[in-house]
Protein backbone atom coordinates (compact mmCIF):
# COMPACT_ATOMS: atom_id res chain seq x y z
CA MET A 1 -98.62 46.99 -78.58
CA SER A 2 -97.05 44.63 -81.11
CA ILE A 3 -94.31 42.18 -80.15
CA LEU A 4 -91.69 44.19 -82.04
CA ALA A 5 -92.86 47.47 -80.50
CA SER A 6 -92.63 45.93 -77.03
CA PHE A 7 -89.20 44.60 -77.85
CA ALA A 8 -88.01 48.00 -79.09
CA GLU A 9 -89.29 49.63 -75.92
CA ALA A 10 -87.48 47.03 -73.81
CA LEU A 11 -84.24 47.84 -75.64
CA VAL A 12 -84.66 51.58 -75.09
CA THR A 13 -85.49 51.22 -71.40
CA GLY A 14 -82.72 48.69 -70.77
CA ARG A 15 -85.01 45.87 -69.75
CA VAL A 16 -83.38 43.95 -72.60
CA GLU A 17 -79.61 44.30 -72.43
CA VAL A 18 -77.41 43.81 -75.49
CA VAL A 19 -74.21 41.97 -74.56
CA ASP A 20 -71.40 41.96 -77.12
CA LEU A 21 -69.88 38.48 -77.39
CA THR A 22 -67.38 39.60 -80.04
CA ALA A 23 -63.62 39.93 -79.59
CA PRO A 24 -62.16 43.16 -81.04
CA LEU A 25 -60.52 42.43 -84.38
CA SER A 26 -56.97 43.75 -84.78
CA SER A 27 -53.46 42.72 -85.74
CA GLY A 28 -53.14 41.36 -82.19
CA THR A 29 -56.08 38.97 -82.51
CA PRO A 30 -54.84 35.41 -81.87
CA VAL A 31 -55.01 33.03 -84.82
CA ILE A 32 -54.81 29.27 -85.03
CA GLN A 33 -51.40 27.89 -85.97
CA LEU A 34 -51.22 24.68 -87.97
CA PRO A 35 -48.11 22.51 -88.19
CA PRO A 36 -46.14 22.37 -91.44
CA PRO A 37 -46.78 21.62 -94.24
CA PHE A 38 -50.35 22.93 -93.95
CA ALA A 39 -51.28 26.39 -95.23
CA GLN A 40 -51.64 29.09 -92.56
CA THR A 41 -54.42 31.64 -92.15
CA ALA A 42 -53.55 35.31 -92.47
CA PRO A 43 -53.66 37.43 -89.31
CA PHE A 44 -55.84 40.52 -89.47
CA GLU A 45 -54.19 43.56 -91.04
CA LEU A 46 -55.30 46.98 -92.27
CA GLU A 47 -53.94 48.81 -95.32
CA GLU A 48 -54.67 52.51 -95.10
CA LEU A 49 -56.05 53.99 -98.32
CA SER A 50 -56.48 57.58 -97.17
CA ARG A 51 -56.90 59.53 -93.95
CA TYR A 52 -58.10 63.08 -94.69
CA ASP A 53 -55.01 63.70 -96.86
CA ASP A 54 -54.00 64.03 -100.51
CA ARG A 55 -55.09 60.40 -101.12
CA GLY A 56 -58.61 61.39 -100.06
CA PRO A 57 -59.03 64.78 -98.37
CA ALA A 58 -62.43 64.25 -96.75
CA TRP A 59 -62.43 60.55 -95.90
CA TYR A 60 -60.64 57.80 -94.03
CA TRP A 61 -60.81 54.18 -95.18
CA ASN A 62 -58.82 50.97 -95.36
CA ASN A 63 -58.46 47.69 -97.13
CA PHE A 64 -58.24 44.73 -94.79
CA ARG A 65 -56.84 41.25 -95.15
CA THR A 66 -57.53 38.27 -92.97
CA GLY A 67 -58.71 34.68 -92.97
CA GLU A 68 -62.34 33.64 -92.82
CA HIS A 69 -61.66 31.95 -89.49
CA THR A 70 -59.98 34.82 -87.65
CA GLY A 71 -61.20 36.26 -84.37
CA THR A 72 -64.83 35.75 -83.39
CA HIS A 73 -66.12 33.83 -86.37
CA PHE A 74 -68.80 31.55 -87.78
CA ASP A 75 -68.03 28.05 -89.11
CA ALA A 76 -70.31 26.95 -91.95
CA PRO A 77 -70.82 23.23 -92.74
CA ASN A 78 -68.62 23.35 -95.85
CA HIS A 79 -65.64 24.33 -93.66
CA TRP A 80 -64.91 20.62 -93.11
CA VAL A 81 -64.59 17.76 -95.55
CA THR A 82 -67.51 15.95 -93.89
CA GLY A 83 -69.75 18.92 -94.73
CA ARG A 84 -68.28 19.68 -98.15
CA ASP A 85 -71.71 19.43 -99.80
CA GLY A 86 -73.40 21.51 -97.10
CA ASP A 87 -74.15 25.21 -96.87
CA ASP A 88 -71.51 27.82 -97.45
CA VAL A 89 -71.66 30.80 -95.12
CA ALA A 90 -73.77 32.81 -97.57
CA SER A 91 -76.36 30.02 -97.74
CA VAL A 92 -77.04 29.66 -94.02
CA PRO A 93 -80.77 30.44 -93.56
CA VAL A 94 -81.10 33.86 -91.94
CA ARG A 95 -83.68 32.55 -89.47
CA ARG A 96 -80.87 30.47 -87.97
CA LEU A 97 -78.76 33.56 -87.27
CA VAL A 98 -81.11 34.54 -84.44
CA ALA A 99 -81.53 31.74 -81.91
CA PRO A 100 -81.84 31.00 -78.18
CA ALA A 101 -78.81 29.92 -76.19
CA ALA A 102 -77.93 27.67 -73.30
CA VAL A 103 -74.74 28.70 -71.47
CA LEU A 104 -72.83 25.89 -69.78
CA ASP A 105 -70.22 27.21 -67.35
CA PHE A 106 -67.20 24.97 -66.82
CA SER A 107 -64.70 27.76 -66.27
CA ALA A 108 -63.66 26.39 -62.85
CA GLN A 109 -62.79 23.01 -64.34
CA ALA A 110 -60.87 24.60 -67.24
CA ALA A 111 -58.91 26.78 -64.81
CA GLU A 112 -57.69 23.63 -63.06
CA ASP A 113 -57.10 21.64 -66.25
CA PRO A 114 -56.57 23.42 -69.61
CA ASP A 115 -57.26 20.10 -71.36
CA PHE A 116 -60.66 19.72 -69.68
CA LEU A 117 -63.23 17.99 -71.90
CA LEU A 118 -66.98 18.41 -71.74
CA GLU A 119 -68.72 15.03 -71.57
CA VAL A 120 -72.32 14.03 -72.27
CA GLU A 121 -72.79 13.47 -68.53
CA HIS A 122 -71.87 17.11 -67.87
CA VAL A 123 -74.57 18.27 -70.27
CA GLU A 124 -77.10 15.89 -68.77
CA GLN A 125 -76.32 17.21 -65.27
CA TRP A 126 -76.78 20.76 -66.54
CA GLN A 127 -80.11 19.83 -68.12
CA ALA A 128 -81.28 18.25 -64.87
CA GLU A 129 -80.82 21.65 -63.22
CA HIS A 130 -81.77 24.07 -65.99
CA GLY A 131 -84.00 22.15 -68.37
CA PRO A 132 -83.45 20.85 -71.91
CA LEU A 133 -81.18 22.48 -74.44
CA PRO A 134 -83.14 24.87 -76.67
CA GLU A 135 -84.61 23.50 -79.86
CA GLY A 136 -82.90 25.25 -82.78
CA GLY A 137 -80.56 27.09 -80.42
CA TRP A 138 -76.90 27.25 -79.44
CA LEU A 139 -74.91 25.46 -76.79
CA LEU A 140 -72.44 28.09 -75.57
CA TYR A 141 -69.54 26.52 -73.66
CA ARG A 142 -67.98 28.87 -71.13
CA THR A 143 -64.41 28.03 -70.03
CA GLY A 144 -63.04 31.46 -69.07
CA TRP A 145 -60.65 31.25 -72.00
CA ASP A 146 -61.61 34.72 -73.21
CA ALA A 147 -59.42 36.13 -70.41
CA ARG A 148 -56.42 34.95 -72.44
CA SER A 149 -57.44 36.57 -75.73
CA SER A 150 -54.97 39.47 -75.58
CA SER A 151 -52.00 37.09 -75.94
CA GLN A 152 -51.34 34.73 -78.84
CA ARG A 153 -49.13 32.58 -76.60
CA ASP A 154 -51.58 32.30 -73.71
CA PHE A 155 -54.59 31.84 -75.97
CA VAL A 156 -53.11 28.99 -78.02
CA ASN A 157 -51.30 27.64 -74.92
CA ALA A 158 -48.98 25.34 -76.85
CA ASP A 159 -45.89 23.43 -75.78
CA ASP A 160 -43.80 20.78 -77.51
CA THR A 161 -46.74 18.37 -77.34
CA GLY A 162 -49.15 20.78 -79.01
CA PRO A 163 -51.93 23.18 -77.90
CA HIS A 164 -53.68 22.75 -74.57
CA THR A 165 -57.17 24.26 -74.60
CA PRO A 166 -60.51 22.91 -73.34
CA GLY A 167 -63.09 21.36 -75.62
CA LEU A 168 -65.49 18.45 -76.07
CA SER A 169 -64.84 14.73 -75.87
CA PRO A 170 -65.48 12.77 -79.09
CA ALA A 171 -68.56 11.18 -77.48
CA CYS A 172 -69.97 14.58 -76.51
CA ALA A 173 -69.28 16.00 -79.97
CA ARG A 174 -71.10 13.06 -81.56
CA TRP A 175 -74.06 13.47 -79.21
CA LEU A 176 -74.22 17.20 -79.92
CA ALA A 177 -74.08 16.59 -83.67
CA GLU A 178 -76.48 13.66 -83.90
CA GLU A 179 -78.89 13.85 -80.95
CA ALA A 180 -78.98 17.30 -79.35
CA PRO A 181 -81.64 19.72 -80.65
CA VAL A 182 -79.21 22.64 -81.07
CA ILE A 183 -77.98 24.14 -84.34
CA GLY A 184 -74.40 24.58 -83.19
CA LEU A 185 -71.67 25.04 -80.61
CA GLY A 186 -70.15 28.32 -79.43
CA VAL A 187 -66.82 28.46 -77.58
CA GLU A 188 -64.31 30.98 -76.23
CA THR A 189 -61.26 29.17 -77.64
CA VAL A 190 -59.60 29.58 -81.05
CA GLY A 191 -61.67 26.75 -82.52
CA THR A 192 -64.57 24.51 -81.54
CA ASP A 193 -62.27 21.55 -80.91
CA ALA A 194 -59.98 21.01 -77.92
CA GLY A 195 -56.31 21.78 -78.39
CA ALA A 196 -55.45 18.07 -78.27
CA ALA A 197 -58.20 17.07 -80.72
CA HIS A 198 -55.70 16.22 -83.45
CA SER A 199 -55.12 12.93 -81.60
CA PHE A 200 -58.78 12.12 -80.86
CA ASP A 201 -60.81 9.42 -82.61
CA PRO A 202 -62.06 10.82 -84.90
CA PRO A 203 -59.58 13.69 -85.13
CA PHE A 204 -61.18 17.10 -84.57
CA PRO A 205 -64.55 15.57 -83.67
CA CYS A 206 -66.44 18.86 -83.32
CA HIS A 207 -65.51 19.89 -86.85
CA THR A 208 -65.92 16.39 -88.27
CA LEU A 209 -69.26 15.60 -86.66
CA LEU A 210 -70.99 19.00 -86.37
CA MET A 211 -70.07 20.15 -89.87
CA GLY A 212 -71.02 16.73 -91.22
CA SER A 213 -74.42 17.08 -89.56
CA GLY A 214 -75.08 20.49 -91.09
CA LYS A 215 -74.51 22.31 -87.80
CA TYR A 216 -72.45 25.41 -87.10
CA GLY A 217 -69.67 26.73 -84.92
CA LEU A 218 -69.00 30.06 -83.22
CA THR A 219 -65.53 30.64 -81.85
CA GLN A 220 -63.50 33.15 -79.85
CA LEU A 221 -66.59 34.42 -78.06
CA GLN A 222 -66.24 36.80 -75.13
CA ASN A 223 -68.36 37.88 -72.16
CA LEU A 224 -70.24 34.62 -71.75
CA ALA A 225 -69.93 35.27 -68.01
CA GLN A 226 -72.52 38.04 -68.46
CA LEU A 227 -75.19 35.65 -69.74
CA PRO A 228 -77.66 33.59 -67.73
CA PRO A 229 -77.69 29.80 -68.14
CA THR A 230 -80.92 30.06 -70.15
CA GLY A 231 -83.04 32.75 -71.73
CA ALA A 232 -80.52 34.70 -73.82
CA LEU A 233 -81.13 35.20 -77.53
CA VAL A 234 -78.06 35.16 -79.77
CA VAL A 235 -77.68 37.15 -82.98
CA ALA A 236 -74.77 35.79 -85.04
CA ALA A 237 -74.02 37.92 -88.11
CA PRO A 238 -71.37 36.54 -90.48
CA LEU A 239 -70.61 38.19 -93.79
CA PRO A 240 -72.48 36.35 -96.58
CA ILE A 241 -69.31 35.39 -98.48
CA VAL A 242 -70.38 33.43 -101.55
CA SER A 243 -68.76 29.95 -101.40
CA GLY A 244 -67.06 30.99 -98.14
CA SER A 245 -66.46 28.46 -95.38
CA GLY A 246 -66.95 30.98 -92.59
CA SER A 247 -66.61 34.62 -91.67
CA PRO A 248 -65.53 36.95 -88.90
CA SER A 249 -68.79 37.82 -87.19
CA ARG A 250 -70.43 40.26 -84.83
CA VAL A 251 -72.14 38.14 -82.23
CA LEU A 252 -74.61 39.76 -79.81
CA ALA A 253 -76.72 38.35 -77.01
CA LEU A 254 -80.05 39.83 -75.94
CA VAL A 255 -80.74 39.31 -72.23
CA ASP A 256 -83.99 40.08 -70.41
CA ARG A 257 -82.99 41.99 -67.25
CA GLY A 258 -86.61 42.70 -66.28
């Protein structure tokens, strides 16, 4: 039996489970909020064209409007000024849209401290237990933040000092961009950077360093708790928007339950 035939059989029998890592996309999907005077992204909205009525008696369909970086989405290198000459989302090689994943669980730490930052030492400790990060794969950073995704207020978690969400330290972001063998970072928060990253050096280090290194981001993931630390295969499927800086995406994980 060929590899693909064996894989198809494993899907049918349930030995390989498909876990949806995608947040439902609706008008209630939380969006990032930038301070004035910066332009704001559009929340997701549907415009009904017809619904089995005189506008179209046998069909239902909609227009939709939203930003590229709304809901579960893919960040391409050209999203940030440091990657301005890099790939747009339509130019990302398709072989990179299917890749292994390492899942680092720091949800307990984030529950105690919403400003918790992942450090290089944390990753090294994880590797000592689970092995090296996968070559050409994803580092998926679990913080439990997906439990907040039904509320804009709780998800952004902002006060008069700004947002408070977990992320990476500047040193960890630099290591991930310049030394780690992965192609990108996946998170459960609204963006790959911590809420307080506007005041880091450099500001927004995940965007600055990963995009500048030609790597990618996946944000607003869900259900990372259902994945093992190693062994999952991630399928990240952004729309190939020509010249686009990113796209809402359907992100799936394939897990061997055999």
